[in-house]
């Protein structure tokens, strides 16, 4: 049965808060303050060689007693965060002789690692998605040789994992294909449930709104990236039948429109495609679709198994404890799909992209416990351009 075509008054979701609590970000405290020493660096001290203001932080390493490098330098505590929170750190650095520096972020070890280099003062822009709840830190060090470098003008932002509330029963639309059943929120366009009717499993809670897509743009100065979460999108029109839906959105903050089409198939799969029209003055650099959040296709989350394509492909038992994965295909990933399964079945997610665009694959723990799965295309959509997102296919098995 076709639901009536609806043209909607914009419905606002609660926007996850950004915060910027980072002590001594401008390096103007008279001493090291919150900047800790780790390992055996020669010096971690304030310097008058500054990019902004009057001071920077000077770090000197000698590559001795480091157990192979990356084990001496300075660190800064970022705070306590939950699984699924996104941490964004930007700063400026200047290294003598243009030697590379290494930056790591994580709880007690480098959960992600970046090697940075540049001449004179160079901007750094780093993002980490928290795989587990905990207290997170950032470390800044040498790559593997004695190095002197300076740090200044830090900025720290936190995008909390979205909590979008519950879709009223009267505002839900159901799409079905084979054993796969998806529920959408007609107010917001959010996904609001994933079920396998053949096994009776509920993969994602019915009624609980989850984000459908996300965007990434260059910042206004072109030096970094800004994430535009689903909560900034407004659903303007929805047209849904039992096996197909078209959802029209606008993103007022960047004057951009997005059309998402979902088609269900008899084999238990669905196709997600999108059209992005960039009305902003900035370049769109990534589009994430679909975001299959809060998935747990198992009665006992400890019995989940994740199959993912990192390096030569891996089978990861108890992935909630192991932390899942994030990778890029083509690149470190050897295939463009992943599979999360439990006692009877599971959820498969793949890119069906004939152009082989760079695809970020994510499968990481979320509250519940559950998992967040997503595919994001790395793109260049300049102001005034329109881009068609290739097909992404989730399947219930």
Protein backbone atom coordinates (compact mmCIF):
# COMPACT_ATOMS: atom_id res chain seq x y z
CA UNK A 1 0.00 0.00 0.00
CA UNK A 2 1.31 3.46 -0.88
CA UNK A 3 1.47 5.99 1.90
CA UNK A 4 0.17 9.42 0.89
CA UNK A 5 2.77 11.73 -0.57
CA UNK A 6 3.56 14.16 2.21
CA UNK A 7 5.12 17.59 2.05
CA UNK A 8 6.25 18.30 5.57
CA UNK A 9 6.87 21.25 7.79
CA UNK A 10 10.48 20.86 8.95
CA UNK A 11 10.78 18.77 12.11
CA UNK A 12 13.84 19.46 14.24
CA UNK A 13 15.78 16.70 15.95
CA UNK A 14 17.90 17.49 18.96
CA UNK A 15 21.36 18.41 17.71
CA UNK A 16 24.30 16.69 19.46
CA UNK A 17 26.37 19.27 21.28
CA UNK A 18 29.85 20.34 20.28
CA UNK A 19 32.14 21.37 23.13
CA UNK A 20 35.61 22.84 23.28
CA UNK A 21 37.05 22.28 26.75
CA UNK A 22 40.81 21.98 26.21
CA UNK A 23 43.01 23.51 28.90
CA UNK A 24 45.94 25.66 27.74
CA UNK A 25 44.93 25.33 24.09
CA UNK A 26 46.72 28.60 23.27
CA UNK A 27 49.84 27.70 25.30
CA UNK A 28 49.66 30.93 27.29
CA UNK A 29 49.91 29.38 30.78
CA UNK A 30 53.30 30.19 32.32
CA UNK A 31 54.22 26.53 32.85
CA UNK A 32 53.40 23.18 31.21
CA UNK A 33 50.05 23.07 33.02
CA UNK A 34 48.03 20.12 31.64
CA UNK A 35 50.75 19.05 29.20
CA UNK A 36 52.18 15.84 30.66
CA UNK A 37 55.54 14.23 29.95
CA UNK A 38 55.53 10.63 28.81
CA UNK A 39 58.60 8.50 28.18
CA UNK A 40 62.01 10.16 28.33
CA UNK A 41 61.97 13.33 26.19
CA UNK A 42 64.78 15.85 26.57
CA UNK A 43 62.38 18.76 27.08
CA UNK A 44 58.68 19.64 27.26
CA UNK A 45 58.52 23.36 28.00
CA UNK A 46 57.04 26.66 26.91
CA UNK A 47 58.79 28.67 24.17
CA UNK A 48 58.47 32.19 22.80
CA UNK A 49 58.56 30.78 19.24
CA UNK A 50 54.80 31.03 18.75
CA UNK A 51 52.30 30.98 15.91
CA UNK A 52 49.65 32.94 17.81
CA UNK A 53 49.97 34.81 21.08
CA UNK A 54 53.31 34.82 22.86
CA UNK A 55 54.07 31.15 23.56
CA UNK A 56 54.07 27.64 22.12
CA UNK A 57 54.94 24.26 23.61
CA UNK A 58 58.45 23.03 22.71
CA UNK A 59 59.06 19.27 22.66
CA UNK A 60 62.52 17.76 22.17
CA UNK A 61 63.08 14.00 21.84
CA UNK A 62 66.35 12.09 21.57
CA UNK A 63 65.10 8.67 20.41
CA UNK A 64 66.75 6.93 23.38
CA UNK A 65 65.06 4.35 25.64
CA UNK A 66 61.88 4.58 23.56
CA UNK A 67 61.34 0.90 22.71
CA UNK A 68 61.30 1.68 18.99
CA UNK A 69 59.93 5.21 18.77
CA UNK A 70 56.63 6.97 19.54
CA UNK A 71 57.26 6.41 23.24
CA UNK A 72 58.42 9.85 24.34
CA UNK A 73 56.95 13.28 24.06
CA UNK A 74 53.96 15.03 25.55
CA UNK A 75 50.32 14.12 26.17
CA UNK A 76 47.08 15.86 27.09
CA UNK A 77 43.97 14.35 28.63
CA UNK A 78 40.82 14.81 26.55
CA UNK A 79 38.23 13.52 29.02
CA UNK A 80 35.62 10.81 29.47
CA UNK A 81 33.57 9.78 26.45
CA UNK A 82 31.10 7.11 25.36
CA UNK A 83 31.28 4.61 22.51
CA UNK A 84 30.31 6.36 19.29
CA UNK A 85 31.35 9.86 20.34
CA UNK A 86 33.53 11.60 17.74
CA UNK A 87 36.58 13.57 18.90
CA UNK A 88 37.99 16.25 16.59
CA UNK A 89 41.34 17.84 17.39
CA UNK A 90 43.00 20.52 15.27
CA UNK A 91 46.24 22.36 15.99
CA UNK A 92 49.40 23.87 14.47
CA UNK A 93 52.90 22.40 14.63
CA UNK A 94 56.37 23.31 13.43
CA UNK A 95 59.15 20.70 13.35
CA UNK A 96 62.83 21.48 12.91
CA UNK A 97 64.27 20.25 9.60
CA UNK A 98 60.68 19.34 8.58
CA UNK A 99 60.98 16.04 10.44
CA UNK A 100 57.74 14.08 10.85
CA UNK A 101 55.90 13.87 14.15
CA UNK A 102 53.53 11.16 15.31
CA UNK A 103 50.16 11.79 16.95
CA UNK A 104 48.10 9.12 18.67
CA UNK A 105 44.67 9.20 20.30
CA UNK A 106 43.03 6.59 22.47
CA UNK A 107 42.48 5.44 26.03
CA UNK A 108 45.68 3.73 27.18
CA UNK A 109 47.30 3.29 23.76
CA UNK A 110 47.22 4.62 20.21
CA UNK A 111 43.79 3.57 18.92
CA UNK A 112 44.53 5.67 15.86
CA UNK A 113 47.88 7.03 14.72
CA UNK A 114 48.87 9.80 12.31
CA UNK A 115 52.28 10.70 10.87
CA UNK A 116 52.42 14.43 10.10
CA UNK A 117 55.00 16.53 8.33
CA UNK A 118 55.27 20.04 6.96
CA UNK A 119 57.40 23.15 6.61
CA UNK A 120 57.14 26.13 8.94
CA UNK A 121 53.84 26.21 10.86
CA UNK A 122 51.52 23.47 9.54
CA UNK A 123 47.86 22.80 10.35
CA UNK A 124 46.76 19.37 11.62
CA UNK A 125 43.16 18.16 11.62
CA UNK A 126 42.43 14.77 13.25
CA UNK A 127 39.25 12.84 14.04
CA UNK A 128 38.73 9.74 16.19
CA UNK A 129 35.49 7.84 16.79
CA UNK A 130 35.48 6.30 20.27
CA UNK A 131 35.27 2.52 19.98
CA UNK A 132 34.65 2.04 23.70
CA UNK A 133 33.61 4.17 26.65
CA UNK A 134 36.58 5.50 28.60
CA UNK A 135 39.01 8.27 29.35
CA UNK A 136 40.78 9.46 26.18
CA UNK A 137 44.15 11.11 25.63
CA UNK A 138 46.23 12.58 22.83
CA UNK A 139 49.98 11.89 22.54
CA UNK A 140 52.47 13.83 20.39
CA UNK A 141 55.87 12.33 19.68
CA UNK A 142 58.68 11.63 17.23
CA UNK A 143 58.39 9.09 14.43
CA UNK A 144 61.65 7.28 15.12
CA UNK A 145 64.45 9.82 15.25
CA UNK A 146 65.43 12.68 17.54
CA UNK A 147 63.11 15.60 16.84
CA UNK A 148 62.40 19.13 18.04
CA UNK A 149 58.91 20.47 17.41
CA UNK A 150 56.56 23.20 18.58
CA UNK A 151 52.78 23.06 19.20
CA UNK A 152 50.25 25.89 19.32
CA UNK A 153 46.59 26.90 18.94
CA UNK A 154 44.71 23.68 19.73
CA UNK A 155 41.00 23.35 19.17
CA UNK A 156 38.97 20.45 20.54
CA UNK A 157 35.41 19.53 19.52
CA UNK A 158 33.18 16.63 20.51
CA UNK A 159 30.24 15.35 18.50
CA UNK A 160 28.21 13.17 20.83
CA UNK A 161 26.67 10.04 19.40
CA UNK A 162 23.14 11.07 18.41
CA UNK A 163 20.19 10.27 20.65
CA UNK A 164 17.20 10.90 18.40
CA UNK A 165 14.32 9.68 20.54
CA UNK A 166 11.37 7.50 19.54
CA UNK A 167 9.25 7.77 16.41
CA UNK A 168 5.50 7.86 17.27
CA UNK A 169 3.69 4.79 15.94
CA UNK A 170 1.48 6.94 13.73
CA UNK A 171 4.61 8.44 12.13
CA UNK A 172 6.25 5.15 11.09
CA UNK A 173 6.47 3.71 7.58
CA UNK A 174 7.37 0.07 7.00
CA UNK A 175 9.35 -1.21 4.00
CA UNK A 176 9.65 -4.94 3.33
CA UNK A 177 11.56 -7.15 0.93
CA UNK A 178 11.93 -10.88 1.55
CA UNK A 179 12.70 -11.37 5.25
CA UNK A 180 14.12 -7.85 5.70
CA UNK A 181 11.83 -5.21 7.18
CA UNK A 182 12.87 -1.59 7.69
CA UNK A 183 10.97 1.05 9.63
CA UNK A 184 11.32 4.76 8.83
CA UNK A 185 10.23 7.82 10.78
CA UNK A 186 7.98 9.95 8.56
CA UNK A 187 8.68 13.05 10.66
CA UNK A 188 12.46 13.01 10.35
CA UNK A 189 13.46 10.43 7.74
CA UNK A 190 15.45 8.52 10.36
CA UNK A 191 15.76 4.76 10.29
CA UNK A 192 13.63 3.42 13.14
CA UNK A 193 14.02 -0.35 13.19
CA UNK A 194 15.47 -3.34 11.35
CA UNK A 195 13.87 -6.81 11.58
CA UNK A 196 14.30 -10.27 10.09
CA UNK A 197 10.77 -11.65 9.70
CA UNK A 198 12.05 -15.15 8.84
CA UNK A 199 13.84 -15.62 12.18
CA UNK A 200 11.78 -13.18 14.24
CA UNK A 201 14.91 -11.27 15.20
CA UNK A 202 14.94 -7.55 15.86
CA UNK A 203 18.31 -6.32 14.62
CA UNK A 204 17.73 -2.67 15.62
CA UNK A 205 14.98 -1.56 18.02
CA UNK A 206 11.71 -0.72 16.28
CA UNK A 207 10.70 2.87 16.92
CA UNK A 208 14.14 4.05 18.04
CA UNK A 209 15.30 6.73 15.59
CA UNK A 210 18.81 6.34 14.16
CA UNK A 211 20.66 8.66 11.74
CA UNK A 212 20.34 7.87 8.04
CA UNK A 213 23.26 9.82 6.53
CA UNK A 214 26.00 12.33 7.28
CA UNK A 215 28.14 14.85 5.39
CA UNK A 216 31.70 16.13 5.59
CA UNK A 217 32.83 19.48 4.14
CA UNK A 218 35.97 21.54 3.97
CA UNK A 219 36.04 24.25 6.60
CA UNK A 220 35.58 27.82 5.42
CA UNK A 221 39.34 28.42 5.43
CA UNK A 222 39.98 25.18 3.52
CA UNK A 223 42.43 23.90 6.14
CA UNK A 224 40.30 21.23 7.80
CA UNK A 225 37.03 19.32 7.73
CA UNK A 226 33.62 19.83 9.32
CA UNK A 227 31.12 17.08 10.02
CA UNK A 228 27.47 17.89 9.33
CA UNK A 229 25.40 15.38 11.33
CA UNK A 230 22.02 13.99 10.30
CA UNK A 231 20.40 16.11 13.00
CA UNK A 232 20.99 19.22 10.86
CA UNK A 233 18.92 17.79 7.99
CA UNK A 234 15.21 18.57 7.67
CA UNK A 235 12.85 16.15 5.93
CA UNK A 236 10.73 18.09 3.44
CA UNK A 237 8.95 15.31 1.54
CA UNK A 238 8.40 11.55 1.84
CA UNK A 239 6.85 9.13 -0.62
CA UNK A 240 6.73 5.49 0.53
CA UNK A 241 5.22 2.21 -0.59
CA UNK A 242 5.77 -1.21 0.96
CA UNK A 243 8.86 -1.77 -1.15
CA UNK A 244 10.24 1.67 -1.92
CA UNK A 245 10.70 5.10 -0.35
CA UNK A 246 12.00 8.47 -1.50
CA UNK A 247 13.02 10.95 1.17
CA UNK A 248 13.80 14.59 0.33
CA UNK A 249 15.92 16.61 2.77
CA UNK A 250 17.35 20.08 3.05
CA UNK A 251 20.33 21.09 5.17
CA UNK A 252 19.73 24.79 5.84
CA UNK A 253 23.11 25.46 7.45
CA UNK A 254 24.88 24.68 4.15
CA UNK A 255 22.04 25.35 1.65
CA UNK A 256 22.30 21.77 0.37
CA UNK A 257 19.57 19.30 -0.61
CA UNK A 258 19.72 15.50 -0.46
CA UNK A 259 17.37 12.91 -1.91
CA UNK A 260 17.65 9.36 -0.55
CA UNK A 261 15.96 6.44 -2.31
CA UNK A 262 15.48 3.05 -0.63
CA UNK A 263 14.36 0.03 -2.68
CA UNK A 264 13.57 -3.36 -1.13
CA UNK A 265 14.22 -6.67 -2.92
CA UNK A 266 12.77 -10.16 -2.66
CA UNK A 267 16.14 -11.69 -1.66
CA UNK A 268 16.11 -9.79 1.66
CA UNK A 269 18.33 -6.93 0.54
CA UNK A 270 17.77 -3.21 0.19
CA UNK A 271 19.37 -0.60 -2.06
CA UNK A 272 20.25 2.86 -0.74
CA UNK A 273 21.14 5.58 -3.25
CA UNK A 274 21.31 9.35 -2.94
CA UNK A 275 21.52 12.63 -4.84
CA UNK A 276 23.47 15.49 -3.25
CA UNK A 277 23.10 19.06 -4.57
CA UNK A 278 25.73 21.32 -3.07
CA UNK A 279 24.32 24.83 -2.64
CA UNK A 280 27.05 25.94 -0.24
CA UNK A 281 30.25 27.85 -0.92
CA UNK A 282 32.36 24.93 0.33
CA UNK A 283 33.40 21.58 -1.12
CA UNK A 284 31.69 18.43 0.14
CA UNK A 285 34.36 15.79 0.79
CA UNK A 286 32.39 12.77 2.07
CA UNK A 287 28.84 11.41 2.12
CA UNK A 288 27.91 8.65 4.57
CA UNK A 289 24.97 6.41 3.54
CA UNK A 290 23.54 4.28 5.00
CA UNK A 291 24.22 4.56 8.71
CA UNK A 292 22.96 1.27 10.17
CA UNK A 293 23.15 2.11 13.87
CA UNK A 294 22.36 0.23 17.11
CA UNK A 295 22.42 -3.17 15.39
CA UNK A 296 22.68 -6.35 17.47
CA UNK A 297 21.64 -9.50 15.56
CA UNK A 298 22.19 -11.76 18.58
CA UNK A 299 20.33 -12.61 21.77
CA UNK A 300 23.70 -12.57 23.53
CA UNK A 301 25.96 -9.74 22.29
CA UNK A 302 29.03 -11.75 23.33
CA UNK A 303 28.14 -14.26 20.60
CA UNK A 304 28.35 -11.74 17.77
CA UNK A 305 30.90 -12.36 15.02
CA UNK A 306 32.18 -9.63 12.72
CA UNK A 307 33.68 -10.45 9.32
CA UNK A 308 35.49 -7.45 7.90
CA UNK A 309 37.95 -6.64 5.08
CA UNK A 310 40.92 -5.09 6.90
CA UNK A 311 44.24 -6.17 5.29
CA UNK A 312 43.52 -9.74 4.10
CA UNK A 313 40.11 -9.96 5.79
CA UNK A 314 39.42 -10.98 9.37
CA UNK A 315 36.88 -12.97 11.36
CA UNK A 316 36.50 -11.21 14.69
CA UNK A 317 34.69 -13.08 17.49
CA UNK A 318 33.22 -10.96 20.31
CA UNK A 319 33.77 -7.74 18.32
CA UNK A 320 32.22 -5.54 21.00
CA UNK A 321 35.16 -6.40 23.24
CA UNK A 322 37.64 -6.31 20.34
CA UNK A 323 36.50 -2.88 19.18
CA UNK A 324 35.43 -3.57 15.59
CA UNK A 325 37.24 -1.74 12.78
CA UNK A 326 37.51 1.38 10.58
CA UNK A 327 39.27 1.24 7.24
CA UNK A 328 39.29 2.44 3.63
CA UNK A 329 38.49 0.50 0.46
CA UNK A 330 40.37 0.35 -1.86
CA UNK A 331 43.32 0.71 0.46
CA UNK A 332 43.90 -1.25 3.65
CA UNK A 333 40.65 -3.08 2.99
CA UNK A 334 40.61 -5.81 0.34
CA UNK A 335 36.85 -5.83 -0.21
CA UNK A 336 33.93 -3.45 0.13
CA UNK A 337 31.67 -5.35 2.50
CA UNK A 338 31.22 -6.44 6.11
CA UNK A 339 29.00 -8.90 7.97
CA UNK A 340 27.80 -8.88 11.58
CA UNK A 341 26.07 -12.06 12.66
CA UNK A 342 24.73 -13.77 15.77
CA UNK A 343 23.22 -17.14 16.68
CA UNK A 344 20.85 -17.39 13.67
CA UNK A 345 21.59 -14.69 11.17
CA UNK A 346 22.90 -11.22 10.76
CA UNK A 347 23.37 -8.04 8.74
CA UNK A 348 25.56 -7.74 5.65
CA UNK A 349 26.49 -4.30 4.30
CA UNK A 350 28.32 -3.67 1.01
CA UNK A 351 29.09 -0.98 -1.53
CA UNK A 352 28.02 -1.77 -5.10
CA UNK A 353 30.16 0.93 -6.67
CA UNK A 354 31.23 0.53 -10.29
CA UNK A 355 33.50 3.59 -10.13
CA UNK A 356 35.61 2.31 -7.20
CA UNK A 357 35.36 5.53 -5.23
CA UNK A 358 37.21 5.57 -1.94
CA UNK A 359 34.87 4.07 0.67
CA UNK A 360 35.24 4.38 4.42
CA UNK A 361 33.92 1.26 6.13
CA UNK A 362 32.99 1.42 9.80
CA UNK A 363 31.78 -1.22 12.24
CA UNK A 364 32.30 -0.21 15.85
CA UNK A 365 30.66 -0.81 19.22
CA UNK A 366 27.80 1.39 20.41
CA UNK A 367 25.69 1.57 23.58
CA UNK A 368 23.29 -1.29 24.20
CA UNK A 369 25.63 -3.06 23.69
CA UNK A 370 25.22 -2.93 19.93
CA UNK A 371 27.11 -2.00 16.76
CA UNK A 372 27.13 0.94 14.37
CA UNK A 373 27.78 0.05 10.71
CA UNK A 374 28.22 2.56 7.89
CA UNK A 375 29.68 3.27 4.46
CA UNK A 376 30.99 6.72 3.50
CA UNK A 377 32.11 7.80 0.04
CA UNK A 378 35.14 10.09 -0.30
CA UNK A 379 34.13 12.62 -2.93
CA UNK A 380 34.75 16.12 -4.29
CA UNK A 381 31.47 17.94 -4.87
CA UNK A 382 32.23 21.59 -5.50
CA UNK A 383 29.82 24.48 -4.91
CA UNK A 384 26.90 24.33 -7.33
CA UNK A 385 27.54 20.70 -8.34
CA UNK A 386 25.25 17.65 -8.07
CA UNK A 387 26.54 14.16 -7.27
CA UNK A 388 24.86 10.77 -7.46
CA UNK A 389 25.77 8.36 -4.65
CA UNK A 390 26.34 4.80 -5.89
CA UNK A 391 24.32 1.94 -4.49
CA UNK A 392 24.91 0.61 -0.98
CA UNK A 393 23.26 -2.68 -0.07
CA UNK A 394 22.36 -4.00 3.38
CA UNK A 395 20.99 -7.52 3.55
CA UNK A 396 19.33 -9.52 6.31
CA UNK A 397 20.51 -13.12 6.40
